[in-house]
Amino acid sequence: MALYPTRPHISLPLALILHHPSSHPALPVHTPSLIYKNVDWSRYAYSQYATNSAYLCNAVMVFEALQRLGSKADRILFYPQEWDTDIASLDDRDSQLLVKARDWYNVKLMPAEITKADDDAWNTSFTKFMAWGQDQYDRVLQMDSDITLLKHLDELFLAPKAPVAMLRAYWRIPEERRLTSFFLLLEPSMDVYQQLMVEARPDHRGKTEYDMEILNRFYGDSAMVLPHRQYGLLSGEFRVDDHKNYLGNDLETWDPERVMKEASLVHFSDWPLPKPWIMWPHTLIGDVMPRCKLREKLGEKDCRNKDIWMGLYDDFRRRRKDICALLSAPAPEWPPRNTSKEDKKPKRHV
């Protein structure tokens, strides 16, 4: 049976037509733990937003994975209202991808006014607040798009009721105990939406406050906390030696293969490396890549962390090329000019 469903005929450039799935490595198949009966999936939706071409491709990749993995819930995409679905030329990649999302992956397109709060590069993260305004749904799952989905997440829509469910930012423990904003299971509310959009305005927030800070102010003491081991694995976890925060205890032994089997998604976070759609600086990758370790009992090298980590990036870049007909962006200069030594030290962040 083909891994991809039959697609409707649409006028898209040949560059955007996927290669036959037999040319790809085996993709994960999601076997749900529950058999859902009599569920009205039109009451639930996955939400993505795109504010530039790179993130539009990321969003389409998420929608492709949801379809391939058998998700039944709706899919919605917010994008700048000045974009359109009229493919003007072979180079009009944004319009091509919007059409592909709509016609191939059944995405509901939602043009929106993307308000820029200031000139800061992070201001587009407030766009995710628009998910709260979709009160035609009982629940919306808003995820950042710099992820690889390993399983669909439909089971979360049937979790116990809560205004919002979030993940703990486990990588910040013990210095901080906060919730991360890259994964939000929310109950839409126009009142909350309007409050959040007011808080996002520069005259209502501090200069270092963004979506994560605002949502922790709103929900830090009341959100339902979802298990990060299933829904919040960072790619950077395969690069560190201490896994206590991720595992939640000192007793368990780190097993990267088991971790991948139990995870539903991986979020790319490997600072100072750029995100996976940007090539790695050659002067940096050697210092950042996971190292093989010696298995004391067997006396042989264990390269599982490195192999899994490299595989995640290779898979993302292959799918980006196949789905969006885009190659990786050029590597940035490293070290960056006009940065202090403190800025160049490795950090763990999302």
C-alpha atoms as a PDB file:
ATOM      1  CA  MET A   1       0.000   0.000   0.000  1.00  0.00           C
ATOM      2  CA  ALA A   2       1.357   3.444  -0.869  1.00  0.00           C
ATOM      3  CA  LEU A   3       2.530   5.628   1.981  1.00  0.00           C
ATOM      4  CA  TYR A   4       0.920   8.663   0.366  1.00  0.00           C
ATOM      5  CA  PRO A   5      -2.783   8.893  -0.534  1.00  0.00           C
ATOM      6  CA  THR A   6      -4.026   9.593  -4.032  1.00  0.00           C
ATOM      7  CA  ARG A   7      -3.823  13.325  -4.724  1.00  0.00           C
ATOM      8  CA  PRO A   8      -6.247  15.450  -6.734  1.00  0.00           C
ATOM      9  CA  HIS A   9      -5.051  16.815 -10.077  1.00  0.00           C
ATOM     10  CA  ILE A  10      -3.923  20.434  -9.719  1.00  0.00           C
ATOM     11  CA  SER A  11      -1.717  22.683 -11.780  1.00  0.00           C
ATOM     12  CA  LEU A  12       1.559  22.729  -9.904  1.00  0.00           C
ATOM     13  CA  PRO A  13       5.078  22.905 -11.268  1.00  0.00           C
ATOM     14  CA  LEU A  14       6.819  19.579 -11.651  1.00  0.00           C
ATOM     15  CA  ALA A  15       9.346  20.665  -8.989  1.00  0.00           C
ATOM     16  CA  LEU A  16       6.640  20.418  -6.341  1.00  0.00           C
ATOM     17  CA  ILE A  17       5.532  16.900  -7.242  1.00  0.00           C
ATOM     18  CA  LEU A  18       6.730  14.383  -4.671  1.00  0.00           C
ATOM     19  CA  HIS A  19       8.958  11.548  -5.764  1.00  0.00           C
ATOM     20  CA  HIS A  20       7.431   8.114  -5.577  1.00  0.00           C
ATOM     21  CA  PRO A  21       7.438   6.960  -1.924  1.00  0.00           C
ATOM     22  CA  SER A  22       9.345   3.806  -2.807  1.00  0.00           C
ATOM     23  CA  SER A  23      12.407   6.020  -3.242  1.00  0.00           C
ATOM     24  CA  HIS A  24      12.250   7.084   0.401  1.00  0.00           C
ATOM     25  CA  PRO A  25      13.471   5.270   3.505  1.00  0.00           C
ATOM     26  CA  ALA A  26      10.766   3.594   5.560  1.00  0.00           C
ATOM     27  CA  LEU A  27       8.557   6.147   7.314  1.00  0.00           C
ATOM     28  CA  PRO A  28       7.041   5.616  10.765  1.00  0.00           C
ATOM     29  CA  VAL A  29       3.505   4.316  10.933  1.00  0.00           C
ATOM     30  CA  HIS A  30       1.310   5.445  13.809  1.00  0.00           C
ATOM     31  CA  THR A  31      -0.716   2.716  15.452  1.00  0.00           C
ATOM     32  CA  PRO A  32      -3.119   4.468  17.855  1.00  0.00           C
ATOM     33  CA  SER A  33      -3.424   3.141  21.364  1.00  0.00           C
ATOM     34  CA  LEU A  34      -7.199   3.637  21.320  1.00  0.00           C
ATOM     35  CA  ILE A  35      -9.873   2.892  18.737  1.00  0.00           C
ATOM     36  CA  TYR A  36     -11.970   6.050  18.583  1.00  0.00           C
ATOM     37  CA  LYS A  37     -15.644   5.663  17.792  1.00  0.00           C
ATOM     38  CA  ASN A  38     -18.283   8.330  17.292  1.00  0.00           C
ATOM     39  CA  VAL A  39     -15.771  11.201  17.512  1.00  0.00           C
ATOM     40  CA  ASP A  40     -16.684  14.352  15.605  1.00  0.00           C
ATOM     41  CA  TRP A  41     -13.185  15.274  14.443  1.00  0.00           C
ATOM     42  CA  SER A  42     -14.448  18.484  12.830  1.00  0.00           C
ATOM     43  CA  ARG A  43     -14.554  19.917  16.360  1.00  0.00           C
ATOM     44  CA  TYR A  44     -10.759  19.775  16.617  1.00  0.00           C
ATOM     45  CA  ALA A  45      -7.914  21.291  14.611  1.00  0.00           C
ATOM     46  CA  TYR A  46      -4.151  21.474  14.275  1.00  0.00           C
ATOM     47  CA  SER A  47      -2.934  25.030  13.804  1.00  0.00           C
ATOM     48  CA  GLN A  48       0.158  26.338  12.037  1.00  0.00           C
ATOM     49  CA  TYR A  49       1.218  29.831  11.058  1.00  0.00           C
ATOM     50  CA  ALA A  50       3.640  31.116   8.438  1.00  0.00           C
ATOM     51  CA  THR A  51       5.130  34.592   8.342  1.00  0.00           C
ATOM     52  CA  ASN A  52       7.787  33.960   5.683  1.00  0.00           C
ATOM     53  CA  SER A  53       8.618  31.441   2.971  1.00  0.00           C
ATOM     54  CA  ALA A  54      10.792  29.211   5.147  1.00  0.00           C
ATOM     55  CA  TYR A  55       8.111  28.771   7.793  1.00  0.00           C
ATOM     56  CA  LEU A  56       5.443  28.234   5.154  1.00  0.00           C
ATOM     57  CA  CYS A  57       7.420  25.227   3.936  1.00  0.00           C
ATOM     58  CA  ASN A  58       7.808  24.010   7.530  1.00  0.00           C
ATOM     59  CA  ALA A  59       4.049  24.240   8.065  1.00  0.00           C
ATOM     60  CA  VAL A  60       3.308  22.323   4.869  1.00  0.00           C
ATOM     61  CA  MET A  61       5.757  19.639   6.007  1.00  0.00           C
ATOM     62  CA  VAL A  62       3.817  19.319   9.281  1.00  0.00           C
ATOM     63  CA  PHE A  63       0.542  18.982   7.396  1.00  0.00           C
ATOM     64  CA  GLU A  64       2.036  16.364   5.080  1.00  0.00           C
ATOM     65  CA  ALA A  65       3.116  14.347   8.127  1.00  0.00           C
ATOM     66  CA  LEU A  66      -0.333  14.617   9.731  1.00  0.00           C
ATOM     67  CA  GLN A  67      -1.955  13.276   6.576  1.00  0.00           C
ATOM     68  CA  ARG A  68       0.611  10.520   6.114  1.00  0.00           C
ATOM     69  CA  LEU A  69       0.262   9.448   9.754  1.00  0.00           C
ATOM     70  CA  GLY A  70      -3.527   9.258   9.551  1.00  0.00           C
ATOM     71  CA  SER A  71      -4.703  12.244  11.597  1.00  0.00           C
ATOM     72  CA  LYS A  72      -8.440  12.881  11.417  1.00  0.00           C
ATOM     73  CA  ALA A  73      -8.690  16.400  12.880  1.00  0.00           C
ATOM     74  CA  ASP A  74      -8.969  19.583  10.812  1.00  0.00           C
ATOM     75  CA  ARG A  75      -5.884  21.577   9.791  1.00  0.00           C
ATOM     76  CA  ILE A  76      -5.705  25.374   9.665  1.00  0.00           C
ATOM     77  CA  LEU A  77      -2.955  27.707   8.465  1.00  0.00           C
ATOM     78  CA  PHE A  78      -2.584  31.415   9.213  1.00  0.00           C
ATOM     79  CA  TYR A  79      -0.553  33.377   6.681  1.00  0.00           C
ATOM     80  CA  PRO A  80      -0.095  37.029   5.648  1.00  0.00           C
ATOM     81  CA  GLN A  81      -3.177  38.366   3.885  1.00  0.00           C
ATOM     82  CA  GLU A  82      -1.051  39.898   1.132  1.00  0.00           C
ATOM     83  CA  TRP A  83      -0.132  36.384  -0.087  1.00  0.00           C
ATOM     84  CA  ASP A  84      -2.475  34.676  -2.553  1.00  0.00           C
ATOM     85  CA  THR A  85      -3.158  31.356  -4.247  1.00  0.00           C
ATOM     86  CA  ASP A  86      -2.790  32.626  -7.806  1.00  0.00           C
ATOM     87  CA  ILE A  87       0.383  30.988  -9.115  1.00  0.00           C
ATOM     88  CA  ALA A  88       1.917  33.747 -11.191  1.00  0.00           C
ATOM     89  CA  SER A  89       5.045  31.903 -12.308  1.00  0.00           C
ATOM     90  CA  LEU A  90       7.262  28.898 -11.696  1.00  0.00           C
ATOM     91  CA  ASP A  91       9.118  30.989  -9.119  1.00  0.00           C
ATOM     92  CA  ASP A  92       5.985  31.848  -7.116  1.00  0.00           C
ATOM     93  CA  ARG A  93       6.760  29.269  -4.461  1.00  0.00           C
ATOM     94  CA  ASP A  94       4.583  30.765  -1.695  1.00  0.00           C
ATOM     95  CA  SER A  95       1.422  30.504  -3.802  1.00  0.00           C
ATOM     96  CA  GLN A  96       2.398  27.015  -4.928  1.00  0.00           C
ATOM     97  CA  LEU A  97       2.766  25.838  -1.336  1.00  0.00           C
ATOM     98  CA  LEU A  98      -0.514  27.432  -0.235  1.00  0.00           C
ATOM     99  CA  VAL A  99      -2.298  25.591  -3.054  1.00  0.00           C
ATOM    100  CA  LYS A 100      -0.524  22.367  -2.173  1.00  0.00           C
ATOM    101  CA  ALA A 101      -1.513  22.680   1.508  1.00  0.00           C
ATOM    102  CA  ARG A 102      -5.143  23.327   0.539  1.00  0.00           C
ATOM    103  CA  ASP A 103      -5.547  20.742  -2.226  1.00  0.00           C
ATOM    104  CA  TRP A 104      -3.216  17.944  -1.135  1.00  0.00           C
ATOM    105  CA  TYR A 105      -3.420  18.089   2.643  1.00  0.00           C
ATOM    106  CA  ASN A 106      -6.944  19.504   3.166  1.00  0.00           C
ATOM    107  CA  VAL A 107      -5.716  22.590   5.000  1.00  0.00           C
ATOM    108  CA  LYS A 108      -8.127  25.452   5.682  1.00  0.00           C
ATOM    109  CA  LEU A 109      -6.275  28.605   4.606  1.00  0.00           C
ATOM    110  CA  MET A 110      -6.769  31.629   6.835  1.00  0.00           C
ATOM    111  CA  PRO A 111      -5.268  34.867   5.522  1.00  0.00           C
ATOM    112  CA  ALA A 112      -4.641  37.216   8.412  1.00  0.00           C
ATOM    113  CA  GLU A 113      -3.187  40.586   9.216  1.00  0.00           C
ATOM    114  CA  ILE A 114       0.177  39.695  10.711  1.00  0.00           C
ATOM    115  CA  THR A 115       0.864  42.610  13.020  1.00  0.00           C
ATOM    116  CA  LYS A 116       4.493  43.430  13.691  1.00  0.00           C
ATOM    117  CA  ALA A 117       4.806  44.673  17.238  1.00  0.00           C
ATOM    118  CA  ASP A 118       8.314  46.064  16.644  1.00  0.00           C
ATOM    119  CA  ASP A 119      11.422  45.346  14.583  1.00  0.00           C
ATOM    120  CA  ASP A 120      12.556  42.422  16.710  1.00  0.00           C
ATOM    121  CA  ALA A 121      13.043  39.092  14.936  1.00  0.00           C
ATOM    122  CA  TRP A 122      10.880  37.246  17.470  1.00  0.00           C
ATOM    123  CA  ASN A 123       7.728  39.335  17.113  1.00  0.00           C
ATOM    124  CA  THR A 124       6.146  36.905  14.662  1.00  0.00           C
ATOM    125  CA  SER A 125       5.792  34.365  17.490  1.00  0.00           C
ATOM    126  CA  PHE A 126       2.723  36.277  18.676  1.00  0.00           C
ATOM    127  CA  THR A 127       0.906  35.033  15.572  1.00  0.00           C
ATOM    128  CA  LYS A 128       0.242  31.760  17.395  1.00  0.00           C
ATOM    129  CA  PHE A 129      -2.187  33.646  19.650  1.00  0.00           C
ATOM    130  CA  MET A 130      -4.608  33.695  16.704  1.00  0.00           C
ATOM    131  CA  ALA A 131      -5.422  30.058  17.468  1.00  0.00           C
ATOM    132  CA  TRP A 132      -7.427  31.258  20.496  1.00  0.00           C
ATOM    133  CA  GLY A 133      -9.758  33.119  18.135  1.00  0.00           C
ATOM    134  CA  GLN A 134     -10.886  29.950  16.326  1.00  0.00           C
ATOM    135  CA  ASP A 135     -13.904  29.350  18.537  1.00  0.00           C
ATOM    136  CA  GLN A 136     -15.621  27.239  15.887  1.00  0.00           C
ATOM    137  CA  TYR A 137     -13.470  24.452  17.380  1.00  0.00           C
ATOM    138  CA  ASP A 138     -13.643  22.872  20.825  1.00  0.00           C
ATOM    139  CA  ARG A 139      -9.881  22.408  20.897  1.00  0.00           C
ATOM    140  CA  VAL A 140      -6.913  23.512  18.820  1.00  0.00           C
ATOM    141  CA  LEU A 141      -3.390  22.114  18.933  1.00  0.00           C
ATOM    142  CA  GLN A 142      -0.883  24.826  18.030  1.00  0.00           C
ATOM    143  CA  MET A 143       2.683  23.615  17.446  1.00  0.00           C
ATOM    144  CA  ASP A 144       5.764  25.445  16.278  1.00  0.00           C
ATOM    145  CA  SER A 145       6.732  24.206  12.832  1.00  0.00           C
ATOM    146  CA  ASP A 146      10.450  23.493  13.409  1.00  0.00           C
ATOM    147  CA  ILE A 147       9.630  19.913  14.319  1.00  0.00           C
ATOM    148  CA  THR A 148       9.540  16.398  12.942  1.00  0.00           C
ATOM    149  CA  LEU A 149       6.309  14.558  13.675  1.00  0.00           C
ATOM    150  CA  LEU A 150       6.771  10.862  14.383  1.00  0.00           C
ATOM    151  CA  LYS A 151       3.130  10.129  15.257  1.00  0.00           C
ATOM    152  CA  HIS A 152      -0.103  12.037  14.926  1.00  0.00           C
ATOM    153  CA  LEU A 153      -1.430  13.572  18.132  1.00  0.00           C
ATOM    154  CA  ASP A 154      -5.200  13.098  17.764  1.00  0.00           C
ATOM    155  CA  GLU A 155      -5.435  11.454  21.191  1.00  0.00           C
ATOM    156  CA  LEU A 156      -4.727  14.802  22.848  1.00  0.00           C
ATOM    157  CA  PHE A 157      -8.002  16.286  21.651  1.00  0.00           C
ATOM    158  CA  LEU A 158      -9.799  13.800  23.927  1.00  0.00           C
ATOM    159  CA  ALA A 159      -7.688  14.585  27.003  1.00  0.00           C
ATOM    160  CA  PRO A 160      -9.447  15.902  30.149  1.00  0.00           C
ATOM    161  CA  LYS A 161     -10.835  19.400  29.683  1.00  0.00           C
ATOM    162  CA  ALA A 162      -8.561  22.317  30.513  1.00  0.00           C
ATOM    163  CA  PRO A 163      -8.344  25.872  29.134  1.00  0.00           C
ATOM    164  CA  VAL A 164      -4.785  25.115  28.022  1.00  0.00           C
ATOM    165  CA  ALA A 165      -2.303  22.248  28.284  1.00  0.00           C
ATOM    166  CA  MET A 166       1.424  22.888  27.868  1.00  0.00           C
ATOM    167  CA  LEU A 167       4.799  21.210  28.282  1.00  0.00           C
ATOM    168  CA  ARG A 168       7.370  21.885  30.946  1.00  0.00           C
ATOM    169  CA  ALA A 169      10.548  23.544  29.672  1.00  0.00           C
ATOM    170  CA  TYR A 170      12.556  20.694  31.177  1.00  0.00           C
ATOM    171  CA  TRP A 171      15.877  21.933  29.775  1.00  0.00           C
ATOM    172  CA  ARG A 172      15.678  25.038  31.997  1.00  0.00           C
ATOM    173  CA  ILE A 173      15.452  23.107  35.257  1.00  0.00           C
ATOM    174  CA  PRO A 174      16.654  23.801  37.951  1.00  0.00           C
ATOM    175  CA  GLU A 175      17.400  27.451  37.124  1.00  0.00           C
ATOM    176  CA  GLU A 176      13.817  28.057  35.987  1.00  0.00           C
ATOM    177  CA  ARG A 177      10.564  26.165  36.244  1.00  0.00           C
ATOM    178  CA  ARG A 178       8.496  27.353  33.329  1.00  0.00           C
ATOM    179  CA  LEU A 179       6.206  26.099  30.611  1.00  0.00           C
ATOM    180  CA  THR A 180       7.258  26.176  26.976  1.00  0.00           C
ATOM    181  CA  SER A 181       5.106  27.817  24.313  1.00  0.00           C
ATOM    182  CA  PHE A 182       6.101  25.707  21.320  1.00  0.00           C
ATOM    183  CA  PHE A 183       3.286  23.199  21.995  1.00  0.00           C
ATOM    184  CA  LEU A 184      -0.177  24.426  23.052  1.00  0.00           C
ATOM    185  CA  LEU A 185      -3.364  22.384  23.400  1.00  0.00           C
ATOM    186  CA  LEU A 186      -5.969  25.092  23.921  1.00  0.00           C
ATOM    187  CA  GLU A 187      -9.689  25.722  24.176  1.00  0.00           C
ATOM    188  CA  PRO A 188     -10.414  28.702  21.901  1.00  0.00           C
ATOM    189  CA  SER A 189     -11.919  31.783  23.504  1.00  0.00           C
ATOM    190  CA  MET A 190     -12.406  35.200  21.918  1.00  0.00           C
ATOM    191  CA  ASP A 191     -12.026  36.838  25.336  1.00  0.00           C
ATOM    192  CA  VAL A 192      -8.638  35.183  25.900  1.00  0.00           C
ATOM    193  CA  TYR A 193      -7.589  35.906  22.318  1.00  0.00           C
ATOM    194  CA  GLN A 194      -8.281  39.611  22.741  1.00  0.00           C
ATOM    195  CA  GLN A 195      -6.443  39.707  26.074  1.00  0.00           C
ATOM    196  CA  LEU A 196      -3.389  37.976  24.595  1.00  0.00           C
ATOM    197  CA  MET A 197      -3.244  40.308  21.599  1.00  0.00           C
ATOM    198  CA  VAL A 198      -3.347  43.300  23.928  1.00  0.00           C
ATOM    199  CA  GLU A 199      -0.522  41.834  26.009  1.00  0.00           C
ATOM    200  CA  ALA A 200       1.527  41.328  22.844  1.00  0.00           C
ATOM    201  CA  ARG A 201       1.558  45.058  22.122  1.00  0.00           C
ATOM    202  CA  PRO A 202       4.903  46.726  22.873  1.00  0.00           C
ATOM    203  CA  ASP A 203       3.260  49.219  25.241  1.00  0.00           C
ATOM    204  CA  HIS A 204       1.977  46.330  27.398  1.00  0.00           C
ATOM    205  CA  ARG A 205       5.030  44.096  27.629  1.00  0.00           C
ATOM    206  CA  GLY A 206       8.688  44.344  28.441  1.00  0.00           C
ATOM    207  CA  LYS A 207      11.276  44.442  25.675  1.00  0.00           C
ATOM    208  CA  THR A 208      12.398  40.907  26.557  1.00  0.00           C
ATOM    209  CA  GLU A 209       8.882  39.485  26.832  1.00  0.00           C
ATOM    210  CA  TYR A 210       7.608  37.244  24.059  1.00  0.00           C
ATOM    211  CA  ASP A 211       5.000  34.519  23.654  1.00  0.00           C
ATOM    212  CA  MET A 212       6.587  32.220  26.253  1.00  0.00           C
ATOM    213  CA  GLU A 213       6.715  34.916  28.933  1.00  0.00           C
ATOM    214  CA  ILE A 214       3.169  36.096  28.273  1.00  0.00           C
ATOM    215  CA  LEU A 215       1.699  32.588  28.329  1.00  0.00           C
ATOM    216  CA  ASN A 216       3.512  31.754  31.559  1.00  0.00           C
ATOM    217  CA  ARG A 217       2.024  34.883  33.075  1.00  0.00           C
ATOM    218  CA  PHE A 218      -1.437  33.766  31.969  1.00  0.00           C
ATOM    219  CA  TYR A 219      -1.192  30.030  32.617  1.00  0.00           C
ATOM    220  CA  GLY A 220       2.001  29.255  34.563  1.00  0.00           C
ATOM    221  CA  ASP A 221       0.060  28.255  37.681  1.00  0.00           C
ATOM    222  CA  SER A 222      -3.034  26.732  36.078  1.00  0.00           C
ATOM    223  CA  ALA A 223      -2.174  24.943  32.824  1.00  0.00           C
ATOM    224  CA  MET A 224      -2.500  21.194  32.540  1.00  0.00           C
ATOM    225  CA  VAL A 225       1.056  19.888  32.104  1.00  0.00           C
ATOM    226  CA  LEU A 226       1.564  17.285  29.385  1.00  0.00           C
ATOM    227  CA  PRO A 227       4.429  14.744  29.489  1.00  0.00           C
ATOM    228  CA  HIS A 228       7.460  16.169  27.700  1.00  0.00           C
ATOM    229  CA  ARG A 229       8.933  12.707  27.188  1.00  0.00           C
ATOM    230  CA  GLN A 230       6.213  12.016  24.653  1.00  0.00           C
ATOM    231  CA  TYR A 231       5.496  15.453  23.233  1.00  0.00           C
ATOM    232  CA  GLY A 232       8.523  17.665  23.892  1.00  0.00           C
ATOM    233  CA  LEU A 233      11.782  15.910  22.961  1.00  0.00           C
ATOM    234  CA  LEU A 234      14.486  18.359  21.828  1.00  0.00           C
ATOM    235  CA  SER A 235      17.013  17.350  19.194  1.00  0.00           C
ATOM    236  CA  GLY A 236      19.683  18.783  21.478  1.00  0.00           C
ATOM    237  CA  GLU A 237      18.973  16.055  24.020  1.00  0.00           C
ATOM    238  CA  PHE A 238      21.074  13.689  21.902  1.00  0.00           C
ATOM    239  CA  ARG A 239      24.081  16.007  22.310  1.00  0.00           C
ATOM    240  CA  VAL A 240      24.260  16.241  26.104  1.00  0.00           C
ATOM    241  CA  ASP A 241      25.652  13.834  28.677  1.00  0.00           C
ATOM    242  CA  ASP A 242      23.250  14.572  31.542  1.00  0.00           C
ATOM    243  CA  HIS A 243      19.698  13.428  30.799  1.00  0.00           C
ATOM    244  CA  LYS A 244      18.279  13.766  34.313  1.00  0.00           C
ATOM    245  CA  ASN A 245      15.953  16.640  33.412  1.00  0.00           C
ATOM    246  CA  TYR A 246      14.516  14.808  30.435  1.00  0.00           C
ATOM    247  CA  LEU A 247      14.170  11.432  32.156  1.00  0.00           C
ATOM    248  CA  GLY A 248      12.912  13.010  35.381  1.00  0.00           C
ATOM    249  CA  ASN A 249      15.058  10.829  37.635  1.00  0.00           C
ATOM    250  CA  ASP A 250      18.604   9.676  38.418  1.00  0.00           C
ATOM    251  CA  LEU A 251      17.852   5.960  38.183  1.00  0.00           C
ATOM    252  CA  GLU A 252      16.929   5.450  34.548  1.00  0.00           C
ATOM    253  CA  THR A 253      19.579   4.716  31.949  1.00  0.00           C
ATOM    254  CA  TRP A 254      19.544   6.832  28.789  1.00  0.00           C
ATOM    255  CA  ASP A 255      18.584   4.728  25.794  1.00  0.00           C
ATOM    256  CA  PRO A 256      18.304   6.889  22.649  1.00  0.00           C
ATOM    257  CA  GLU A 257      16.513   4.200  20.651  1.00  0.00           C
ATOM    258  CA  ARG A 258      13.847   3.735  23.318  1.00  0.00           C
ATOM    259  CA  VAL A 259      13.478   7.508  23.648  1.00  0.00           C
ATOM    260  CA  MET A 260      12.765   7.808  19.924  1.00  0.00           C
ATOM    261  CA  LYS A 261      10.201   5.014  20.067  1.00  0.00           C
ATOM    262  CA  GLU A 262       8.231   6.681  22.861  1.00  0.00           C
ATOM    263  CA  ALA A 263       8.413  10.211  21.381  1.00  0.00           C
ATOM    264  CA  SER A 264       5.647  11.607  19.203  1.00  0.00           C
ATOM    265  CA  LEU A 265       7.729  14.477  17.856  1.00  0.00           C
ATOM    266  CA  VAL A 266      11.188  16.032  17.934  1.00  0.00           C
ATOM    267  CA  HIS A 267      11.667  19.791  18.223  1.00  0.00           C
ATOM    268  CA  PHE A 268      14.854  21.081  16.600  1.00  0.00           C
ATOM    269  CA  SER A 269      16.881  23.048  19.133  1.00  0.00           C
ATOM    270  CA  ASP A 270      20.666  22.840  18.892  1.00  0.00           C
ATOM    271  CA  TRP A 271      22.004  26.318  19.594  1.00  0.00           C
ATOM    272  CA  PRO A 272      24.401  27.618  18.342  1.00  0.00           C
ATOM    273  CA  LEU A 273      23.575  25.572  15.243  1.00  0.00           C
ATOM    274  CA  PRO A 274      20.943  27.171  13.002  1.00  0.00           C
ATOM    275  CA  LYS A 275      17.590  25.526  12.380  1.00  0.00           C
ATOM    276  CA  PRO A 276      17.554  22.506  10.021  1.00  0.00           C
ATOM    277  CA  TRP A 277      16.582  24.412   6.856  1.00  0.00           C
ATOM    278  CA  ILE A 278      19.904  26.325   7.114  1.00  0.00           C
ATOM    279  CA  MET A 279      23.242  24.676   6.373  1.00  0.00           C
ATOM    280  CA  TRP A 280      25.728  24.184   9.202  1.00  0.00           C
ATOM    281  CA  PRO A 281      28.856  26.360   9.412  1.00  0.00           C
ATOM    282  CA  HIS A 282      31.796  24.012   8.778  1.00  0.00           C
ATOM    283  CA  THR A 283      33.792  25.701  11.535  1.00  0.00           C
ATOM    284  CA  LEU A 284      31.090  24.872  14.069  1.00  0.00           C
ATOM    285  CA  ILE A 285      29.635  21.450  13.308  1.00  0.00           C
ATOM    286  CA  GLY A 286      32.665  19.498  14.503  1.00  0.00           C
ATOM    287  CA  ASP A 287      32.343  20.979  17.993  1.00  0.00           C
ATOM    288  CA  VAL A 288      28.571  20.513  18.223  1.00  0.00           C
ATOM    289  CA  MET A 289      27.898  17.097  16.728  1.00  0.00           C
ATOM    290  CA  PRO A 290      27.217  14.267  19.218  1.00  0.00           C
ATOM    291  CA  ARG A 291      30.227  12.067  19.947  1.00  0.00           C
ATOM    292  CA  CYS A 292      30.406   8.313  19.797  1.00  0.00           C
ATOM    293  CA  LYS A 293      30.973   6.741  23.205  1.00  0.00           C
ATOM    294  CA  LEU A 294      32.659   3.561  24.327  1.00  0.00           C
ATOM    295  CA  ARG A 295      30.409   0.864  25.733  1.00  0.00           C
ATOM    296  CA  GLU A 296      32.404  -0.301  28.721  1.00  0.00           C
ATOM    297  CA  LYS A 297      30.897  -3.766  28.989  1.00  0.00           C
ATOM    298  CA  LEU A 298      31.071  -4.538  25.271  1.00  0.00           C
ATOM    299  CA  GLY A 299      34.241  -2.618  24.492  1.00  0.00           C
ATOM    300  CA  GLU A 300      32.765  -1.142  21.303  1.00  0.00           C
ATOM    301  CA  LYS A 301      31.706   2.283  20.109  1.00  0.00           C
ATOM    302  CA  ASP A 302      28.151   3.446  20.678  1.00  0.00           C
ATOM    303  CA  CYS A 303      27.214   5.971  17.986  1.00  0.00           C
ATOM    304  CA  ARG A 304      23.444   5.803  18.430  1.00  0.00           C
ATOM    305  CA  ASN A 305      23.097   9.420  19.634  1.00  0.00           C
ATOM    306  CA  LYS A 306      25.104  10.687  16.677  1.00  0.00           C
ATOM    307  CA  ASP A 307      23.291   8.471  14.160  1.00  0.00           C
ATOM    308  CA  ILE A 308      19.827   9.463  15.401  1.00  0.00           C
ATOM    309  CA  TRP A 309      20.722  13.152  15.549  1.00  0.00           C
ATOM    310  CA  MET A 310      22.254  13.171  12.061  1.00  0.00           C
ATOM    311  CA  GLY A 311      19.308  11.163  10.770  1.00  0.00           C
ATOM    312  CA  LEU A 312      16.815  13.727  12.057  1.00  0.00           C
ATOM    313  CA  TYR A 313      18.535  16.536  10.153  1.00  0.00           C
ATOM    314  CA  ASP A 314      19.012  14.450   7.005  1.00  0.00           C
ATOM    315  CA  ASP A 315      15.338  13.437   7.059  1.00  0.00           C
ATOM    316  CA  PHE A 316      14.141  17.037   7.522  1.00  0.00           C
ATOM    317  CA  ARG A 317      16.250  18.299   4.631  1.00  0.00           C
ATOM    318  CA  ARG A 318      15.174  15.455   2.354  1.00  0.00           C
ATOM    319  CA  ARG A 319      11.498  16.081   3.072  1.00  0.00           C
ATOM    320  CA  ARG A 320      11.972  19.828   2.592  1.00  0.00           C
ATOM    321  CA  LYS A 321      13.356  19.156  -0.870  1.00  0.00           C
ATOM    322  CA  ASP A 322      10.687  16.587  -1.756  1.00  0.00           C
ATOM    323  CA  ILE A 323       7.674  18.489  -0.408  1.00  0.00           C
ATOM    324  CA  CYS A 324       8.639  22.120  -0.987  1.00  0.00           C
ATOM    325  CA  ALA A 325      11.263  21.797  -3.744  1.00  0.00           C
ATOM    326  CA  LEU A 326      13.593  23.864  -1.565  1.00  0.00           C
ATOM    327  CA  LEU A 327      17.232  23.307  -0.727  1.00  0.00           C
ATOM    328  CA  SER A 328      18.867  24.403   2.506  1.00  0.00           C
ATOM    329  CA  ALA A 329      19.732  28.064   2.945  1.00  0.00           C
ATOM    330  CA  PRO A 330      23.452  28.954   3.015  1.00  0.00           C
ATOM    331  CA  ALA A 331      25.284  28.604   6.314  1.00  0.00           C
ATOM    332  CA  PRO A 332      25.678  31.786   8.361  1.00  0.00           C
ATOM    333  CA  GLU A 333      29.053  33.229   9.214  1.00  0.00           C
ATOM    334  CA  TRP A 334      30.566  31.664  12.328  1.00  0.00           C
ATOM    335  CA  PRO A 335      31.555  33.020  14.708  1.00  0.00           C
ATOM    336  CA  PRO A 336      29.229  35.961  14.084  1.00  0.00           C
ATOM    337  CA  ARG A 337      30.780  39.377  13.933  1.00  0.00           C
ATOM    338  CA  ASN A 338      30.316  41.802  16.820  1.00  0.00           C
ATOM    339  CA  THR A 339      29.465  39.108  19.366  1.00  0.00           C
ATOM    340  CA  SER A 340      30.977  38.698  22.789  1.00  0.00           C
ATOM    341  CA  LYS A 341      32.596  35.540  24.099  1.00  0.00           C
ATOM    342  CA  GLU A 342      29.552  35.034  26.300  1.00  0.00           C
ATOM    343  CA  ASP A 343      27.289  35.002  23.227  1.00  0.00           C
ATOM    344  CA  LYS A 344      29.370  32.207  21.675  1.00  0.00           C
ATOM    345  CA  LYS A 345      29.121  29.825  24.620  1.00  0.00           C
ATOM    346  CA  PRO A 346      26.841  26.803  24.049  1.00  0.00           C
ATOM    347  CA  LYS A 347      23.357  27.169  25.478  1.00  0.00           C
ATOM    348  CA  ARG A 348      20.245  25.027  25.621  1.00  0.00           C
ATOM    349  CA  HIS A 349      17.164  26.827  24.476  1.00  0.00           C
ATOM    350  CA  VAL A 350      14.169  26.668  22.210  1.00  0.00           C
END
